[in-house]
Structure formats: C-alpha cells, structure tokens
Protein backbone atom coordinates (compact mmCIF):
# COMPACT_ATOMS: atom_id res chain seq x y z
CA MET A 1 0.00 0.00 0.00
CA ALA A 2 1.17 3.53 -0.75
CA SER A 3 1.02 4.57 2.89
CA GLY A 4 3.24 1.67 3.89
CA GLU A 5 0.52 0.41 6.23
CA PHE A 6 -0.86 -3.12 6.12
CA ARG A 7 -4.59 -3.67 6.50
CA PHE A 8 -5.61 -7.10 7.68
CA ARG A 9 -9.35 -6.52 7.31
CA THR A 10 -11.77 -4.90 4.92
CA PRO A 11 -13.93 -2.36 6.76
CA VAL A 12 -17.48 -2.22 5.45
CA SER A 13 -18.80 1.32 5.13
CA THR A 14 -22.18 1.58 6.86
CA ALA A 15 -24.31 4.62 6.18
CA GLN A 16 -26.15 6.56 8.85
CA ALA A 17 -29.88 5.94 8.60
CA SER A 18 -32.10 8.95 7.93
CA PHE A 19 -34.28 7.87 10.88
CA ALA A 20 -33.47 6.99 14.48
CA ILE A 21 -35.02 4.29 16.65
CA GLU A 22 -36.35 5.52 20.00
CA SER A 23 -37.73 3.43 22.86
CA THR A 24 -41.24 4.43 21.76
CA THR A 25 -40.78 3.52 18.06
CA PRO A 26 -43.18 0.68 17.14
CA ILE A 27 -40.96 -1.95 15.47
CA LEU A 28 -41.92 -5.08 13.57
CA SER A 29 -39.06 -7.44 12.70
CA ILE A 30 -39.69 -10.24 10.19
CA GLY A 31 -37.42 -12.83 8.63
CA SER A 32 -34.65 -15.30 9.37
CA CYS A 33 -33.09 -16.25 12.70
CA PHE A 34 -30.89 -13.15 12.39
CA ALA A 35 -34.09 -11.07 12.55
CA ASN A 36 -34.78 -12.77 15.88
CA THR A 37 -31.26 -11.97 17.08
CA ILE A 38 -31.65 -8.24 16.36
CA ALA A 39 -35.16 -8.28 17.81
CA HIS A 40 -34.01 -9.82 21.10
CA GLN A 41 -31.27 -7.20 21.39
CA LEU A 42 -33.80 -4.41 20.81
CA ALA A 43 -36.26 -5.92 23.30
CA ASP A 44 -33.52 -6.31 25.94
CA ASN A 45 -32.82 -2.61 25.52
CA HIS A 46 -36.48 -1.69 26.07
CA CYS A 47 -37.52 -0.94 22.51
CA SER A 48 -41.15 -1.55 21.51
CA ILE A 49 -40.79 -4.56 19.21
CA VAL A 50 -42.76 -7.54 17.90
CA HIS A 51 -40.83 -10.11 15.91
CA ASN A 52 -41.82 -12.88 13.54
CA PRO A 53 -45.57 -13.15 14.31
CA SER A 54 -45.69 -16.43 12.36
CA GLY A 55 -42.25 -17.70 13.35
CA ILE A 56 -38.91 -17.58 11.55
CA LEU A 57 -39.18 -16.98 7.79
CA PHE A 58 -36.23 -17.56 5.50
CA ASN A 59 -37.34 -16.78 1.96
CA PRO A 60 -38.70 -13.48 0.60
CA ALA A 61 -41.87 -15.10 -0.79
CA SER A 62 -42.98 -16.31 2.66
CA ILE A 63 -42.11 -12.92 4.16
CA ALA A 64 -44.20 -11.24 1.47
CA ASP A 65 -47.12 -13.62 2.19
CA LEU A 66 -47.10 -12.54 5.84
CA LEU A 67 -46.83 -8.83 5.02
CA ASP A 68 -49.72 -9.11 2.55
CA ARG A 69 -51.84 -10.64 5.29
CA LEU A 70 -50.80 -7.97 7.81
CA ILE A 71 -51.64 -5.16 5.38
CA ALA A 72 -55.01 -6.72 4.50
CA ARG A 73 -55.67 -7.48 8.20
CA LYS A 74 -56.72 -10.95 7.13
CA GLU A 75 -57.00 -13.49 9.94
CA PHE A 76 -56.18 -17.17 9.58
CA VAL A 77 -59.17 -19.50 9.28
CA ALA A 78 -59.71 -23.25 9.46
CA GLN A 79 -59.03 -23.64 5.74
CA ASP A 80 -55.47 -22.36 6.29
CA ILE A 81 -54.45 -25.24 8.54
CA PHE A 82 -54.25 -29.03 8.25
CA LEU A 83 -54.07 -32.07 10.52
CA HIS A 84 -50.81 -34.04 10.50
CA ASN A 85 -49.55 -36.49 13.14
CA ALA A 86 -52.44 -35.54 15.45
CA LEU A 87 -51.49 -31.83 15.36
CA TYR A 88 -53.07 -28.91 13.55
CA LYS A 89 -50.44 -27.04 11.55
CA SER A 90 -49.96 -24.37 8.90
CA LEU A 91 -47.43 -24.25 6.08
CA ALA A 92 -47.11 -20.53 6.87
CA HIS A 93 -46.10 -21.04 10.52
CA HIS A 94 -43.38 -22.34 12.77
CA SER A 95 -44.11 -25.52 14.72
CA PHE A 96 -44.56 -23.38 17.87
CA PHE A 97 -48.12 -22.74 16.65
CA ASN A 98 -48.99 -26.45 16.28
CA ASP A 99 -51.75 -27.67 18.57
CA THR A 100 -54.05 -30.63 19.15
CA SER A 101 -57.03 -28.27 19.03
CA ILE A 102 -57.98 -26.40 15.87
CA ASP A 103 -59.38 -23.49 17.92
CA ALA A 104 -56.24 -23.23 20.08
CA CYS A 105 -54.06 -23.36 16.98
CA LEU A 106 -55.99 -20.54 15.28
CA LYS A 107 -56.06 -18.49 18.47
CA LYS A 108 -52.26 -18.56 18.76
CA MET A 109 -51.85 -17.68 15.09
CA ASN A 110 -54.29 -14.77 15.12
CA THR A 111 -53.14 -13.38 18.47
CA CYS A 112 -49.61 -13.04 17.11
CA LEU A 113 -50.95 -11.75 13.80
CA HIS A 114 -52.80 -8.92 15.55
CA GLU A 115 -49.67 -8.06 17.54
CA GLY A 116 -47.83 -7.71 14.24
CA MET A 117 -50.62 -5.60 12.73
CA ALA A 118 -50.45 -3.18 15.66
CA GLN A 119 -46.75 -2.51 15.04
CA ILE A 120 -47.17 -1.34 11.43
CA GLN A 121 -47.75 2.36 12.02
CA ASP A 122 -46.82 5.72 10.60
CA HIS A 123 -43.46 6.74 12.09
CA GLY A 124 -42.96 3.06 12.94
CA MET A 125 -40.20 0.72 11.83
CA LEU A 126 -40.21 -2.44 9.72
CA ILE A 127 -37.07 -4.61 9.78
CA ILE A 128 -36.92 -7.31 7.10
CA THR A 129 -34.16 -9.94 6.99
CA VAL A 130 -34.09 -12.34 4.04
CA GLY A 131 -32.04 -15.51 4.36
CA THR A 132 -32.30 -17.47 1.12
CA ALA A 133 -33.95 -17.30 -2.30
CA TYR A 134 -34.52 -21.06 -2.26
CA ALA A 135 -37.99 -22.15 -1.21
CA TYR A 136 -40.21 -25.22 -1.08
CA LEU A 137 -43.35 -25.27 -3.21
CA HIS A 138 -46.15 -27.45 -1.84
CA LYS A 139 -47.24 -29.41 -4.92
CA LYS A 140 -50.87 -29.87 -3.92
CA THR A 141 -51.69 -26.29 -2.87
CA LYS A 142 -49.04 -24.50 -4.99
CA ALA A 143 -48.16 -22.50 -1.86
CA ILE A 144 -44.63 -21.59 -0.80
CA ALA A 145 -44.01 -23.31 2.53
CA ALA A 146 -42.47 -21.32 5.35
CA ASN A 147 -42.21 -24.61 7.25
CA CYS A 148 -42.49 -28.14 5.83
CA HIS A 149 -43.41 -29.71 9.22
CA THR A 150 -41.75 -33.08 8.47
CA LEU A 151 -44.25 -33.78 5.69
CA PRO A 152 -42.88 -36.19 3.05
CA SER A 153 -40.27 -34.54 0.83
CA SER A 154 -42.23 -35.82 -2.17
CA ASP A 155 -44.96 -33.31 -1.25
CA PHE A 156 -42.64 -30.43 -2.14
CA GLU A 157 -40.58 -29.10 -5.01
CA ARG A 158 -37.42 -27.16 -4.15
CA ILE A 159 -37.27 -24.01 -6.28
CA LEU A 160 -35.09 -20.94 -6.74
CA LEU A 161 -37.40 -17.94 -6.59
CA ASP A 162 -37.52 -15.98 -9.84
CA ASP A 163 -35.77 -12.60 -9.81
CA SER A 164 -38.28 -10.64 -11.85
CA MET A 165 -41.30 -12.11 -10.03
CA LEU A 166 -39.78 -11.24 -6.65
CA ILE A 167 -39.04 -7.67 -7.69
CA GLU A 168 -42.54 -7.20 -9.15
CA ARG A 169 -44.25 -8.59 -6.07
CA TRP A 170 -42.13 -6.70 -3.56
CA SER A 171 -42.43 -3.43 -5.48
CA ALA A 172 -46.22 -3.67 -5.23
CA LEU A 173 -45.96 -4.68 -1.57
CA ILE A 174 -43.72 -1.77 -0.51
CA ASP A 175 -45.84 0.64 -2.55
CA SER A 176 -48.97 -0.56 -0.73
CA LEU A 177 -47.26 -0.28 2.64
CA LEU A 178 -46.08 3.28 2.02
CA GLN A 179 -49.44 4.37 0.66
CA GLN A 180 -51.02 3.32 3.96
CA HIS A 181 -48.12 4.51 6.13
CA PRO A 182 -46.08 7.13 4.25
CA HIS A 183 -43.79 7.75 7.22
CA LEU A 184 -42.97 4.08 7.86
CA SER A 185 -39.21 3.46 8.00
CA ILE A 186 -37.94 0.23 6.44
CA ILE A 187 -34.66 -1.53 7.16
CA MET A 188 -33.74 -4.44 4.91
CA THR A 189 -30.82 -6.78 5.40
CA VAL A 190 -29.53 -10.13 4.20
CA SER A 191 -28.92 -12.71 6.91
CA PRO A 192 -25.20 -13.40 7.49
CA VAL A 193 -26.03 -17.06 8.13
CA ARG A 194 -24.69 -19.22 5.29
CA HIS A 195 -26.98 -21.90 3.86
CA LEU A 196 -24.28 -24.44 3.05
CA ARG A 197 -26.80 -27.26 2.73
CA ASP A 198 -27.57 -25.57 -0.59
CA THR A 199 -23.82 -26.01 -1.40
CA PRO A 200 -21.49 -22.97 -1.26
CA PHE A 201 -22.17 -22.17 -4.92
CA GLU A 202 -25.95 -22.26 -4.53
CA ASN A 203 -25.66 -20.22 -1.34
CA SER A 204 -23.85 -17.52 -3.34
CA VAL A 205 -26.52 -17.61 -6.06
CA SER A 206 -29.24 -17.40 -3.42
CA LYS A 207 -27.64 -14.53 -1.46
CA GLY A 208 -27.02 -12.70 -4.74
CA ARG A 209 -30.70 -12.95 -5.62
CA CYS A 210 -31.63 -11.59 -2.17
CA THR A 211 -29.22 -8.66 -2.42
CA ASN A 212 -30.41 -7.88 -5.95
CA LEU A 213 -34.01 -7.78 -4.74
CA ILE A 214 -33.13 -5.26 -2.04
CA TYR A 215 -30.96 -3.22 -4.42
CA GLN A 216 -33.80 -2.96 -6.97
CA LEU A 217 -36.27 -1.94 -4.26
CA MET A 218 -33.89 0.75 -3.00
CA GLN A 219 -33.81 2.29 -6.49
CA GLN A 220 -37.60 2.63 -6.37
CA PHE A 221 -38.06 3.49 -2.70
CA PRO A 222 -35.34 5.75 -1.22
CA THR A 223 -36.95 5.32 2.21
CA ILE A 224 -35.48 1.78 2.39
CA PHE A 225 -32.26 1.59 4.39
CA TYR A 226 -29.93 -1.34 3.77
CA PHE A 227 -27.98 -2.61 6.74
CA PRO A 228 -24.99 -4.71 5.54
CA ALA A 229 -24.98 -7.51 8.14
CA TYR A 230 -24.03 -10.11 5.51
CA GLU A 231 -21.15 -8.02 4.15
CA ILE A 232 -19.82 -7.21 7.63
CA LEU A 233 -19.48 -10.90 8.48
CA LEU A 234 -18.32 -11.94 5.02
CA ASP A 235 -15.70 -9.22 4.49
CA GLU A 236 -14.94 -7.28 7.65
CA LEU A 237 -14.95 -10.38 9.89
CA ARG A 238 -13.48 -12.71 7.28
CA ASP A 239 -12.25 -15.42 9.63
CA TYR A 240 -13.73 -18.68 10.94
CA ARG A 241 -13.15 -17.54 14.53
CA PHE A 242 -16.16 -15.26 13.97
CA TYR A 243 -18.40 -18.25 13.24
CA ASP A 244 -20.09 -20.57 15.69
CA THR A 245 -18.99 -24.20 15.99
CA ASP A 246 -21.21 -25.16 13.03
CA MET A 247 -19.15 -22.80 10.82
CA VAL A 248 -22.44 -21.40 9.49
CA HIS A 249 -23.92 -19.09 12.13
CA PRO A 250 -22.05 -16.03 13.40
CA SER A 251 -20.36 -16.37 16.79
CA VAL A 252 -21.39 -14.42 19.89
CA ASN A 253 -18.53 -11.98 19.28
CA ALA A 254 -19.58 -11.47 15.66
CA ILE A 255 -23.19 -10.84 16.67
CA GLU A 256 -22.09 -8.27 19.25
CA TYR A 257 -19.85 -6.58 16.66
CA ILE A 258 -22.66 -6.39 14.08
CA TRP A 259 -25.09 -5.22 16.77
CA ASP A 260 -22.77 -2.36 17.77
CA ILE A 261 -22.68 -1.16 14.16
CA PHE A 262 -26.48 -1.43 13.95
CA VAL A 263 -26.80 0.67 17.10
CA ALA A 264 -24.52 3.38 15.74
CA SER A 265 -26.38 3.44 12.41
CA CYS A 266 -30.00 3.12 13.43
CA ILE A 267 -30.58 4.04 17.08
CA SER A 268 -30.93 7.61 18.37
CA LYS A 269 -28.17 9.18 20.45
CA LYS A 270 -30.67 9.57 23.28
CA HIS A 271 -31.48 5.86 23.38
CA GLN A 272 -27.82 4.94 22.90
CA TYR A 273 -27.09 6.87 26.12
CA PHE A 274 -29.90 4.97 27.88
CA MET A 275 -28.42 1.67 26.66
CA LEU A 276 -24.99 2.69 27.93
CA GLU A 277 -26.46 3.33 31.39
CA LEU A 278 -28.48 0.12 31.27
CA ALA A 279 -25.51 -2.09 30.37
CA PRO A 280 -23.94 -2.30 33.88
CA ILE A 281 -27.34 -3.15 35.33
CA HIS A 282 -27.71 -6.06 32.92
CA ALA A 283 -24.10 -7.07 33.59
CA SER A 284 -24.89 -7.30 37.31
CA MET A 285 -27.90 -9.49 36.53
CA GLN A 286 -25.63 -11.91 34.66
CA HIS A 287 -23.31 -12.40 37.62
CA THR A 288 -23.76 -15.62 39.60
CA THR A 289 -24.66 -14.71 43.15
CA ASN A 290 -23.22 -16.52 46.14
CA SER A 291 -26.19 -17.36 48.35
CA LEU A 292 -23.90 -17.65 51.38
CA ASN A 293 -22.87 -13.98 51.12
CA VAL A 294 -26.31 -12.47 51.74
CA LEU A 295 -24.97 -9.12 52.97
CA LYS A 296 -22.84 -8.57 49.86
CA ASN A 297 -25.75 -9.53 47.58
CA ASN A 298 -28.09 -7.14 49.40
CA GLU A 299 -25.59 -4.30 49.12
CA MET A 300 -25.16 -4.88 45.39
CA ALA A 301 -28.92 -5.21 44.83
CA THR A 302 -29.63 -2.01 46.78
CA LYS A 303 -27.08 -0.11 44.69
CA MET A 304 -28.59 -1.45 41.48
CA LEU A 305 -32.14 -0.57 42.57
CA ASP A 306 -30.96 2.97 43.25
CA ARG A 307 -29.30 3.09 39.84
CA ILE A 308 -32.49 1.77 38.20
CA SER A 309 -34.59 4.48 39.91
CA ARG A 310 -32.27 7.21 38.66
CA LEU A 311 -32.27 5.80 35.13
CA GLU A 312 -36.07 5.52 35.11
CA ALA A 313 -36.40 9.14 36.23
CA LEU A 314 -33.92 10.29 33.59
CA SER A 315 -35.33 8.29 30.67
CA GLY A 316 -39.01 7.89 31.47
CA ILE A 317 -38.64 4.16 30.72
CA THR A 318 -39.92 1.66 33.28
CA LEU A 319 -37.38 -1.08 34.07
CA GLU A 320 -39.84 -3.54 35.58
CA SER A 321 -37.96 -6.80 34.95
CA GLU A 322 -34.69 -5.34 36.27
CA LYS A 323 -36.38 -4.01 39.40
CA THR A 324 -38.09 -7.33 40.06
CA TYR A 325 -34.78 -9.20 39.74
CA PHE A 326 -32.97 -7.08 42.34
CA GLN A 327 -35.98 -6.84 44.65
CA LYS A 328 -36.09 -10.65 44.80
CA LEU A 329 -32.36 -10.67 45.48
CA CYS A 330 -32.85 -8.30 48.42
CA ALA A 331 -35.64 -10.48 49.80
CA SER A 332 -33.64 -13.73 49.55
C-alpha cells in the first residue's frame, strides 16, 4: 500500500440511517433467525418490538405472504391449517403454533398476527431480513411453505425464486405499505447465516438474488435503508473464529460486533445513552450470586435498585424486569 501500512481486514462502510429508533418507536421485525437476534437485542434494551408473528421466515416469498396478510388485516381460518400427526399445523407457521385443538391453533396464530398488525404504524419501523432465495413449493396447494413440518419430501418441489417475479411482487408490496403509512421506515438486510446445505455455490446464487431484490427496491423506494450484516461478516470479519462451531452461524462476538454497528447506524443518540447506562445493570444481573454472602448480595442489589430508579427518572422508561430481579435478590 502507498502509505506503507498493512490492513488485515476490509472495513465495510455503513451509512447513517435517515431515521433513528427511539424506545417508543413501534418496530416489527420479520425474517430469518438473524431477525430474531436483532429483535431480542432491541427488546432487551427496552424498545417496543414484535418479531416474527408467524415464526422464523427464510425466503422473501414467505415474508411477502405474511406482510400481505398484515396489510389486508386478514386473519387465519380453518381452511389455512391441516391435521398431521395428530397436530393442527400451517405451512405458513413455525411448529410453535402447532396444537391438538384447531381453535387453540388458530387463536395462537391470530393473536400473534394482531400483535404484528399493531406494530405497522406511521413513524414506525419495519425490519426485514431475508435468508435465502430457495424455497419449497407445496405441490398440492401451490403455496410456498415457510415450514415443511416433516411432511414427506415428495410433497414439495425445491425451487429458486424468480428474480423478476420477486421484484414485481415486492415493489407492489412496498408501494402498498407506504401508501397506507407514508412515514414508515424500512430496514432491509440479508442474513449473514450461510446456507451451506444448498452447497457454497448455490448459497452464493441465493444470497445474490436476495441482495439484488433489495438493491432494486432501494432504487424505487429511497426510504429503504440497507444494513450490511451479511457483508460485515463476510468481508470485515473474514475469519472462521467469527463463526459458531457449526461454521455457518455467526459467533457471539460477531453478533455483538454487528449489533454495535447497527446501534450506531439506526438508534438515536438519546437511546444509545440509555443503553450505555443500562448495560452495567444487565451485567450485574448476569453475575452468579453466592447465596452464602447475603450481605454482599443485598448491598449490590440495593445499589442497582438505586441506579435503576435514577435511570427511570432520567429516561421515562420503566425497568420492571430489572427491578423485580434485584428486589427478589434483596428479599432472599
């Protein structure tokens, strides 16, 4: 290099979002397991978030199916579910929603659906994480399955979702969303989790199709902000030590690194300060207490309760779970 300096990493430039997440921002996060990871981080830091109201979704067609239903406010009905191995299930849902009772199954599905509907608001936030452009088409119903529920593989056809059809469908979807909620902020990202069961080559094809979809949407809708989670792991953290033991999912350190960049890009300075003050409280909650040293535990808990009270007064955010934890510690 001309400067004589060696660079052993490739920093990924991350833009500053034109919006800023506050604790009161209604957020709906939909998509792959990485969407869950971001959602849990936001929830832990007292943001108003609902994530994956039908369970984890990997492909953009299934995500679009859910968003269409949320926009139309269309509940699930008996015709949307089926009986398999003594459980009622839906191809659009995670197995969490399975139940022996058709009414109980529908109640769980529609309760979560309504929670998702409530989060799509003007001045709200929609976070979409796509994982793969491969999907499974149910031969009988011609529906894209979000979950195959251990049905026979012969019931499905594995397909690579068509580029032009995805762009056409998502363009109409985003247009409909913004017509209803013109001040809705949208974050889109590609999951950094590699789908190596598709083979490395097919994973690259799949991720390329996902990134192209988002790129094309950004050309049409400048309100969409792209967060480069996939590129950060692939390029900036280009080392297997940043992967979990399966060599597919990002490690804890990688997730924390990506999360820190997300915070700097998308969360308001005010809420970042709150998170900074909250961090030592959460750190204290993670410490294993020695039940024999009651006096020391009580002193620590009392200090933390005082800190919580001051942070609540400063931020206006109620820290109920944190207070309950240290109150129980004082009473033990």
